[in-house]
Amino acid sequence: MRATRTSTDPTRQLDVAADLLALLADTTTEPRFDPQLEALTLAVAADLPVLLWGEPGIGKTAALTQLATTLDLPLTTVIASVHEPSDFSGLPVVGDDPATQGVPMAPPDWAVRLVDAGRGLLFLDELSTAPPAVQAALLRLVLERRIGSLCLPAEVRIVAAANPRSSAADGWELSPPLANRFVHLRWTHDHEVVVRGMAGTWPQATLPRLDPHQLPQAVTFARRAVCGLLSARPTLVHRLPTGEADRGGPWPSPRSWEMTLRLIAFATAADTSREVLSMLVRGTVGDGPGLELLASLDRMDLPDPEVLLADPTAAVLPERGDLRQIVLDGVVEAVRRRPERSRWDAAWALLVRALETGAPDVVVVPASTLAGLRRDDWDVPASIERLAGVVSLSRRADQVAARIAAGARR
């Protein structure tokens, strides 16, 4: 056996090694719900620049490679940190008569290849290791898609990746102007996805399926959501963080709110899950404003109290307890604004329906408030007896808790 190995042609052995490498690289994909991958593909479909934040070796580059393969887009990778600012702003080329013709800014070869292809995925890797001068040169590329005198085609999508400064090689904080141009997504690993991928099957990256019949409604809904929040909270229109690290992440500005509006419209037309929408919204305007917007979206979907009072037997109440509480409080407030006997009775019927279909604790406060709205000439409806026990039990529980707290203070 040793003699055979010694006499084996080294070139042939390299061919066998190449065959083994090909077998290892031969993987497949399967449909699987992966929220961060779905968030990435939706932002790509919305034609918004995306920045993936993750520790080294987490799989950011592999995810982009697989995305480009699945979407059949040519992948162009540019390591931002090893380029000069002129590589993105354009290289000056002196012509025959610069005094009259000027000095054009020639684009780099990778940009020319993208234009020739007419479509593609531009991957700006190691963004957090790019010095400030390079970051400044990237501003026009990310926002306007211009490199020198060349404009990238509309079918080119831009995705970047960065490591946190603590784990980046000679890392820098992202400048606020550059950070505000991206949708920031935290890229983490899922144990099951990694194990199944090592076995040869990775999640399939697919563009969201947009319902063509929902496009006008999706745009209207997105505009109502963003404009409604900013009308009620004008200080959220532009809020530059005070900390340097926070400025390098998502924060609210007119530009990022416009991006958020687009993401909500796409998510609505694609019927995207709330988890994915939350990742996108918080990755565009930040956690605080993003959570406020998500809460206002929940309230936009709530039924109109007047509709519920008009036909309590057909009422459909939210499943979530917090949203159900908001609806019932709104019903009681509607009765307070226009107190009538029929509306008062209808509100009691709604509280009974809530008691029958959900947790009893959410009806305690609305029932107590509604009872206080009774006029002297209004008869007590029979349905109120079904709520009396819940309210009484809640009051006794509060009294016991108060006595225990009082005893603990002694």
Protein backbone atom coordinates (compact mmCIF):
# COMPACT_ATOMS: atom_id res chain seq x y z
CA MET A 1 0.00 0.00 0.00
CA ARG A 2 2.82 2.41 0.82
CA ALA A 3 4.41 1.82 -2.57
CA THR A 4 1.10 2.57 -4.27
CA ARG A 5 0.70 5.88 -2.46
CA THR A 6 4.26 6.89 -3.21
CA SER A 7 3.85 6.23 -6.91
CA THR A 8 0.51 8.02 -7.16
CA ASP A 9 0.52 11.06 -9.43
CA PRO A 10 0.29 14.22 -7.25
CA THR A 11 -1.84 15.88 -9.91
CA ARG A 12 -4.33 13.05 -9.70
CA GLN A 13 -4.42 13.37 -5.95
CA LEU A 14 -5.31 17.04 -6.29
CA ASP A 15 -8.12 16.06 -8.63
CA VAL A 16 -9.45 13.63 -6.02
CA ALA A 17 -9.17 16.34 -3.37
CA ALA A 18 -11.16 18.65 -5.64
CA ASP A 19 -13.84 16.00 -5.98
CA LEU A 20 -14.05 15.70 -2.19
CA LEU A 21 -14.28 19.47 -1.81
CA ALA A 22 -17.08 19.54 -4.38
CA LEU A 23 -19.01 16.93 -2.43
CA LEU A 24 -18.61 18.95 0.76
CA ALA A 25 -19.84 22.08 -1.03
CA ASP A 26 -22.82 20.26 -2.52
CA THR A 27 -25.67 21.46 -0.30
CA THR A 28 -29.35 22.07 -0.80
CA THR A 29 -31.97 24.40 0.63
CA GLU A 30 -35.42 23.94 2.11
CA PRO A 31 -38.31 26.25 3.01
CA ARG A 32 -37.90 27.12 6.68
CA PHE A 33 -39.08 30.08 8.73
CA ASP A 34 -35.97 32.05 9.58
CA PRO A 35 -36.96 35.53 10.80
CA GLN A 36 -33.60 37.20 10.24
CA LEU A 37 -33.30 35.75 6.73
CA GLU A 38 -36.88 36.82 5.97
CA ALA A 39 -36.13 40.32 7.27
CA LEU A 40 -33.07 40.49 5.03
CA THR A 41 -34.93 39.39 1.90
CA LEU A 42 -37.80 41.80 2.55
CA ALA A 43 -35.41 44.75 2.94
CA VAL A 44 -33.62 43.65 -0.25
CA ALA A 45 -36.97 43.50 -2.06
CA ALA A 46 -37.76 47.00 -0.77
CA ASP A 47 -34.48 48.19 -2.31
CA LEU A 48 -33.07 49.45 0.98
CA PRO A 49 -29.40 49.13 1.99
CA VAL A 50 -29.00 46.56 4.77
CA LEU A 51 -26.22 46.30 7.33
CA LEU A 52 -25.73 42.95 9.05
CA TRP A 53 -24.16 43.20 12.51
CA GLY A 54 -22.64 40.03 13.93
CA GLU A 55 -19.61 38.50 15.57
CA PRO A 56 -16.83 37.12 13.35
CA GLY A 57 -17.59 33.69 11.89
CA ILE A 58 -21.34 33.94 12.55
CA GLY A 59 -22.21 33.33 8.89
CA LYS A 60 -22.89 36.79 7.46
CA THR A 61 -20.83 36.27 4.31
CA ALA A 62 -22.22 32.76 3.81
CA ALA A 63 -25.78 34.10 4.10
CA LEU A 64 -25.10 36.73 1.44
CA THR A 65 -23.51 34.19 -0.87
CA GLN A 66 -26.49 31.88 -0.51
CA LEU A 67 -28.91 34.79 -1.01
CA ALA A 68 -27.19 35.82 -4.24
CA THR A 69 -27.23 32.23 -5.52
CA THR A 70 -30.90 31.72 -4.69
CA LEU A 71 -31.97 35.02 -6.24
CA ASP A 72 -29.70 34.43 -9.24
CA LEU A 73 -27.90 37.74 -8.71
CA PRO A 74 -24.20 38.22 -9.49
CA LEU A 75 -22.38 38.79 -6.19
CA THR A 76 -19.73 41.52 -6.05
CA THR A 77 -17.81 41.66 -2.77
CA VAL A 78 -15.89 44.80 -1.85
CA ILE A 79 -13.83 44.90 1.35
CA ALA A 80 -14.37 48.52 2.37
CA SER A 81 -11.42 48.71 4.75
CA VAL A 82 -8.78 47.92 2.10
CA HIS A 83 -9.92 50.62 -0.32
CA GLU A 84 -9.05 54.28 -0.57
CA PRO A 85 -11.75 56.99 -0.55
CA SER A 86 -11.09 57.59 -4.27
CA ASP A 87 -12.12 53.99 -4.98
CA PHE A 88 -15.69 54.96 -4.09
CA SER A 89 -15.78 58.63 -5.07
CA GLY A 90 -14.04 57.97 -8.39
CA LEU A 91 -10.49 58.21 -9.68
CA PRO A 92 -9.62 61.50 -11.44
CA VAL A 93 -8.65 61.05 -15.08
CA VAL A 94 -7.00 63.99 -16.78
CA GLY A 95 -8.09 64.37 -20.42
CA ASP A 96 -6.62 66.28 -23.36
CA ASP A 97 -7.96 69.65 -22.23
CA PRO A 98 -8.99 69.62 -18.56
CA ALA A 99 -9.50 73.40 -18.61
CA THR A 100 -12.48 73.02 -20.92
CA GLN A 101 -13.50 69.39 -20.48
CA GLY A 102 -12.93 69.14 -16.74
CA VAL A 103 -11.51 66.12 -14.94
CA PRO A 104 -13.90 63.14 -14.98
CA MET A 105 -14.01 60.72 -12.05
CA ALA A 106 -13.51 57.20 -13.37
CA PRO A 107 -15.29 54.39 -11.50
CA PRO A 108 -13.46 51.22 -10.34
CA ASP A 109 -13.67 48.02 -12.36
CA TRP A 110 -16.16 46.28 -10.02
CA ALA A 111 -18.64 49.11 -10.53
CA VAL A 112 -18.27 48.86 -14.30
CA ARG A 113 -18.95 45.12 -14.12
CA LEU A 114 -22.15 45.74 -12.13
CA VAL A 115 -23.34 48.24 -14.72
CA ASP A 116 -22.53 45.86 -17.58
CA ALA A 117 -24.46 43.07 -15.82
CA GLY A 118 -27.43 45.38 -15.23
CA ARG A 119 -28.23 43.69 -11.92
CA GLY A 120 -26.44 42.20 -8.95
CA LEU A 121 -25.81 42.16 -5.22
CA LEU A 122 -23.11 44.54 -3.99
CA PHE A 123 -21.68 43.26 -0.72
CA LEU A 124 -19.70 45.83 1.30
CA ASP A 125 -17.84 43.69 3.82
CA GLU A 126 -15.95 44.69 6.97
CA LEU A 127 -17.66 48.08 7.07
CA SER A 128 -16.77 48.73 10.70
CA THR A 129 -13.05 48.55 9.91
CA ALA A 130 -13.28 51.28 7.25
CA PRO A 131 -11.66 54.53 8.45
CA PRO A 132 -13.73 57.75 8.59
CA ALA A 133 -12.45 59.01 5.24
CA VAL A 134 -13.63 55.83 3.49
CA GLN A 135 -16.97 55.97 5.31
CA ALA A 136 -17.45 59.51 4.03
CA ALA A 137 -16.74 58.36 0.47
CA LEU A 138 -19.35 55.59 0.86
CA LEU A 139 -22.16 58.05 1.64
CA ARG A 140 -23.01 58.80 -1.98
CA LEU A 141 -22.64 55.17 -3.03
CA VAL A 142 -25.09 53.91 -0.38
CA LEU A 143 -27.69 56.65 -0.81
CA GLU A 144 -27.47 57.68 -4.47
CA ARG A 145 -25.73 54.58 -5.90
CA ARG A 146 -23.20 56.78 -7.66
CA ILE A 147 -19.49 56.03 -8.00
CA GLY A 148 -17.69 58.84 -9.73
CA SER A 149 -19.65 59.60 -12.89
CA LEU A 150 -21.27 56.16 -12.93
CA CYS A 151 -24.73 55.33 -11.58
CA LEU A 152 -25.49 51.75 -10.56
CA PRO A 153 -28.57 50.15 -12.18
CA ALA A 154 -31.83 50.01 -10.26
CA GLU A 155 -31.60 46.19 -10.15
CA VAL A 156 -28.46 46.34 -7.97
CA ARG A 157 -29.05 45.77 -4.25
CA ILE A 158 -26.62 46.84 -1.53
CA VAL A 159 -25.91 44.79 1.59
CA ALA A 160 -23.09 45.42 4.05
CA ALA A 161 -21.68 43.51 7.01
CA ALA A 162 -19.84 44.66 10.09
CA ASN A 163 -18.46 43.32 13.33
CA PRO A 164 -19.08 45.15 16.61
CA ARG A 165 -16.18 47.42 17.44
CA SER A 166 -15.18 45.20 20.37
CA SER A 167 -14.56 42.26 18.03
CA ALA A 168 -13.52 44.07 14.84
CA ALA A 169 -9.91 44.19 13.71
CA ASP A 170 -8.89 47.81 14.34
CA GLY A 171 -12.55 48.77 14.27
CA TRP A 172 -14.18 52.19 14.06
CA GLU A 173 -17.62 53.39 15.06
CA LEU A 174 -19.86 54.04 12.09
CA SER A 175 -20.38 57.72 11.36
CA PRO A 176 -23.97 58.93 12.02
CA PRO A 177 -24.61 59.93 8.35
CA LEU A 178 -23.57 56.49 7.10
CA ALA A 179 -25.39 54.56 9.84
CA ASN A 180 -28.61 56.45 9.14
CA ARG A 181 -28.62 55.18 5.55
CA PHE A 182 -28.93 51.48 6.51
CA VAL A 183 -31.47 49.04 7.88
CA HIS A 184 -29.52 47.46 10.76
CA LEU A 185 -30.09 43.76 11.39
CA ARG A 186 -28.49 41.81 14.23
CA TRP A 187 -27.19 38.55 12.74
CA THR A 188 -27.06 35.65 15.18
CA HIS A 189 -26.78 31.90 14.78
CA ASP A 190 -29.59 29.44 15.32
CA HIS A 191 -28.35 26.10 16.67
CA GLU A 192 -30.85 24.03 14.68
CA VAL A 193 -30.16 25.93 11.46
CA VAL A 194 -26.40 25.45 11.84
CA VAL A 195 -26.67 21.74 12.61
CA ARG A 196 -29.05 21.09 9.72
CA GLY A 197 -26.90 23.20 7.43
CA MET A 198 -23.79 21.22 8.35
CA ALA A 199 -25.78 18.15 7.37
CA GLY A 200 -26.27 19.67 3.94
CA THR A 201 -29.56 21.59 4.07
CA TRP A 202 -29.77 25.33 4.68
CA PRO A 203 -32.86 27.60 4.88
CA GLN A 204 -34.06 28.83 1.52
CA ALA A 205 -33.79 32.55 0.88
CA THR A 206 -36.81 33.69 -1.11
CA LEU A 207 -38.17 37.11 -1.88
CA PRO A 208 -41.48 37.94 -0.15
CA ARG A 209 -44.66 37.17 -2.08
CA LEU A 210 -46.41 40.51 -2.50
CA ASP A 211 -50.17 40.42 -3.01
CA PRO A 212 -50.84 42.73 -6.00
CA HIS A 213 -54.38 43.36 -4.76
CA GLN A 214 -53.10 44.67 -1.41
CA LEU A 215 -50.62 47.26 -2.70
CA PRO A 216 -52.83 50.39 -2.40
CA GLN A 217 -54.10 49.33 1.05
CA ALA A 218 -50.53 48.55 2.15
CA VAL A 219 -49.33 52.03 1.19
CA THR A 220 -52.30 53.68 2.92
CA PHE A 221 -51.76 51.61 6.07
CA ALA A 222 -48.03 52.42 6.18
CA ARG A 223 -48.62 56.15 5.76
CA ARG A 224 -51.31 56.17 8.45
CA ALA A 225 -49.04 54.32 10.84
CA VAL A 226 -45.96 56.51 10.46
CA CYS A 227 -47.78 59.85 10.10
CA GLY A 228 -50.10 59.04 13.00
CA LEU A 229 -47.20 58.34 15.35
CA LEU A 230 -45.14 61.36 14.28
CA SER A 231 -48.17 63.64 14.60
CA ALA A 232 -48.67 62.50 18.18
CA ARG A 233 -44.92 62.37 18.97
CA PRO A 234 -43.23 65.18 17.01
CA THR A 235 -39.99 64.81 18.96
CA LEU A 236 -39.47 61.44 17.29
CA VAL A 237 -39.13 62.95 13.82
CA HIS A 238 -35.41 63.54 14.35
CA ARG A 239 -33.50 62.37 17.40
CA LEU A 240 -29.73 62.06 17.09
CA PRO A 241 -28.39 59.89 19.94
CA THR A 242 -25.93 61.50 22.33
CA GLY A 243 -23.63 58.48 22.66
CA GLU A 244 -21.05 57.78 19.96
CA ALA A 245 -21.84 54.06 19.85
CA ASP A 246 -25.58 54.71 19.55
CA ARG A 247 -25.00 57.11 16.67
CA GLY A 248 -23.45 54.25 14.75
CA GLY A 249 -26.70 52.27 14.90
CA PRO A 250 -30.33 52.91 13.94
CA TRP A 251 -31.88 56.21 15.01
CA PRO A 252 -34.91 58.25 13.89
CA SER A 253 -34.66 60.88 11.19
CA PRO A 254 -36.89 61.87 8.26
CA ARG A 255 -34.75 59.59 6.08
CA SER A 256 -35.06 56.56 8.37
CA TRP A 257 -38.80 57.16 8.87
CA GLU A 258 -39.24 57.15 5.09
CA MET A 259 -37.39 53.83 5.03
CA THR A 260 -39.65 52.54 7.81
CA LEU A 261 -42.75 53.56 5.87
CA ARG A 262 -41.52 51.56 2.88
CA LEU A 263 -40.77 48.52 5.03
CA ILE A 264 -44.25 48.59 6.61
CA ALA A 265 -45.85 48.78 3.17
CA PHE A 266 -43.83 45.81 1.92
CA ALA A 267 -44.44 43.82 5.12
CA THR A 268 -48.19 44.50 4.88
CA ALA A 269 -48.39 43.50 1.21
CA ALA A 270 -46.43 40.32 1.98
CA ASP A 271 -48.37 39.54 5.18
CA THR A 272 -45.09 39.36 7.08
CA SER A 273 -45.01 38.13 10.67
CA ARG A 274 -44.88 40.66 13.49
CA GLU A 275 -41.48 39.28 14.58
CA VAL A 276 -39.92 40.10 11.23
CA LEU A 277 -41.57 43.53 11.08
CA SER A 278 -40.28 44.27 14.58
CA MET A 279 -36.71 43.44 13.54
CA LEU A 280 -36.96 45.73 10.52
CA VAL A 281 -38.63 48.69 12.25
CA ARG A 282 -36.32 48.63 15.27
CA GLY A 283 -33.36 48.20 12.92
CA THR A 284 -34.30 51.39 11.08
CA VAL A 285 -35.35 53.93 13.73
CA GLY A 286 -34.06 52.27 16.90
CA ASP A 287 -35.61 50.24 19.69
CA GLY A 288 -37.51 53.00 21.51
CA PRO A 289 -39.23 54.67 18.52
CA GLY A 290 -39.64 51.29 16.85
CA LEU A 291 -41.50 49.81 19.81
CA GLU A 292 -43.74 52.89 19.97
CA LEU A 293 -44.58 52.45 16.30
CA LEU A 294 -45.33 48.75 16.78
CA ALA A 295 -47.66 49.58 19.68
CA SER A 296 -49.49 52.12 17.53
CA LEU A 297 -49.82 49.49 14.77
CA ASP A 298 -51.56 47.23 17.27
CA ARG A 299 -54.01 49.99 18.12
CA MET A 300 -54.70 50.67 14.45
CA ASP A 301 -55.93 47.10 14.04
CA LEU A 302 -58.35 47.34 16.96
CA PRO A 303 -62.08 47.37 16.27
CA ASP A 304 -64.01 50.63 16.48
CA PRO A 305 -65.87 50.91 19.83
CA GLU A 306 -68.93 52.31 18.06
CA VAL A 307 -69.08 49.27 15.78
CA LEU A 308 -68.91 46.97 18.80
CA LEU A 309 -71.67 48.88 20.62
CA ALA A 310 -73.89 48.73 17.55
CA ASP A 311 -73.86 44.92 17.48
CA PRO A 312 -72.26 43.36 20.58
CA THR A 313 -73.41 39.84 19.65
CA ALA A 314 -71.21 39.88 16.54
CA ALA A 315 -68.21 41.44 18.25
CA VAL A 316 -64.79 39.87 17.69
CA LEU A 317 -62.40 40.86 20.48
CA PRO A 318 -58.59 40.64 20.27
CA GLU A 319 -56.99 37.51 21.68
CA ARG A 320 -54.14 39.33 23.41
CA GLY A 321 -55.07 40.47 26.89
CA ASP A 322 -53.47 43.92 26.63
CA LEU A 323 -55.25 44.68 23.36
CA ARG A 324 -58.54 43.36 24.73
CA GLN A 325 -58.15 45.66 27.72
CA ILE A 326 -57.63 48.65 25.41
CA VAL A 327 -60.77 47.76 23.41
CA LEU A 328 -62.95 47.40 26.51
CA ASP A 329 -61.64 50.65 27.96
CA GLY A 330 -62.43 52.32 24.64
CA VAL A 331 -65.99 50.96 24.74
CA VAL A 332 -66.54 52.32 28.24
CA GLU A 333 -65.07 55.68 27.23
CA ALA A 334 -67.44 55.80 24.24
CA VAL A 335 -70.40 55.28 26.59
CA ARG A 336 -69.05 58.01 28.86
CA ARG A 337 -68.91 60.47 25.95
CA ARG A 338 -72.48 59.66 24.87
CA PRO A 339 -74.35 58.05 27.76
CA GLU A 340 -77.52 56.34 26.59
CA ARG A 341 -79.40 53.41 28.08
CA SER A 342 -79.06 51.21 24.95
CA ARG A 343 -75.32 51.89 24.72
CA TRP A 344 -74.86 51.16 28.43
CA ASP A 345 -76.64 47.80 28.02
CA ALA A 346 -74.58 46.99 24.91
CA ALA A 347 -71.36 47.67 26.82
CA TRP A 348 -72.41 45.20 29.52
CA ALA A 349 -73.10 42.61 26.83
CA LEU A 350 -69.56 43.15 25.47
CA LEU A 351 -68.05 42.70 28.93
CA VAL A 352 -69.92 39.42 29.32
CA ARG A 353 -68.64 38.31 25.94
CA ALA A 354 -65.10 39.18 27.01
CA LEU A 355 -65.57 37.18 30.20
CA GLU A 356 -66.73 34.14 28.25
CA THR A 357 -63.92 34.22 25.69
CA GLY A 358 -60.87 35.32 27.68
CA ALA A 359 -59.24 35.97 31.01
CA PRO A 360 -61.66 37.47 33.55
CA ASP A 361 -59.21 39.99 35.00
CA VAL A 362 -59.40 42.29 31.95
CA VAL A 363 -63.09 43.07 32.62
CA VAL A 364 -62.66 44.15 36.24
CA VAL A 365 -61.71 47.79 35.70
CA PRO A 366 -64.07 48.40 32.73
CA ALA A 367 -66.97 46.83 34.68
CA SER A 368 -66.33 49.00 37.72
CA THR A 369 -66.10 52.13 35.56
CA LEU A 370 -69.19 51.22 33.56
CA ALA A 371 -71.21 50.65 36.74
CA GLY A 372 -70.38 54.20 37.82
CA LEU A 373 -71.95 55.57 34.63
CA ARG A 374 -75.42 54.26 35.49
CA ARG A 375 -78.27 56.78 35.63
CA ASP A 376 -80.99 56.51 38.28
CA ASP A 377 -83.69 55.57 35.79
CA TRP A 378 -81.64 52.81 34.16
CA ASP A 379 -82.53 49.28 35.21
CA VAL A 380 -79.64 46.95 35.97
CA PRO A 381 -79.35 44.42 33.10
CA ALA A 382 -79.53 40.74 33.93
CA SER A 383 -76.12 40.16 32.37
CA ILE A 384 -74.45 42.19 35.11
CA GLU A 385 -74.97 39.31 37.54
CA ARG A 386 -72.44 37.25 35.58
CA LEU A 387 -69.81 39.94 36.17
CA ALA A 388 -70.59 40.69 39.79
CA GLY A 389 -68.62 37.71 41.05
CA VAL A 390 -65.50 38.63 39.13
CA VAL A 391 -65.52 42.24 40.30
CA SER A 392 -66.24 41.22 43.90
CA LEU A 393 -63.48 38.62 43.87
CA SER A 394 -61.01 41.13 42.48
CA ARG A 395 -61.88 43.66 45.18
CA ARG A 396 -61.48 41.06 47.93
CA ALA A 397 -58.09 40.09 46.48
CA ASP A 398 -57.02 43.75 46.49
CA GLN A 399 -58.15 44.10 50.13
CA VAL A 400 -56.21 41.00 51.17
CA ALA A 401 -53.11 42.24 49.35
CA ALA A 402 -53.43 45.63 51.07
CA ARG A 403 -53.68 43.97 54.50
CA ILE A 404 -50.62 41.82 53.80
CA ALA A 405 -48.64 44.84 52.64
CA ALA A 406 -49.70 46.80 55.73
CA GLY A 407 -48.60 43.95 57.99
CA ALA A 408 -45.22 43.77 56.28
CA ARG A 409 -44.59 47.46 56.96
CA ARG A 410 -45.15 47.08 60.69
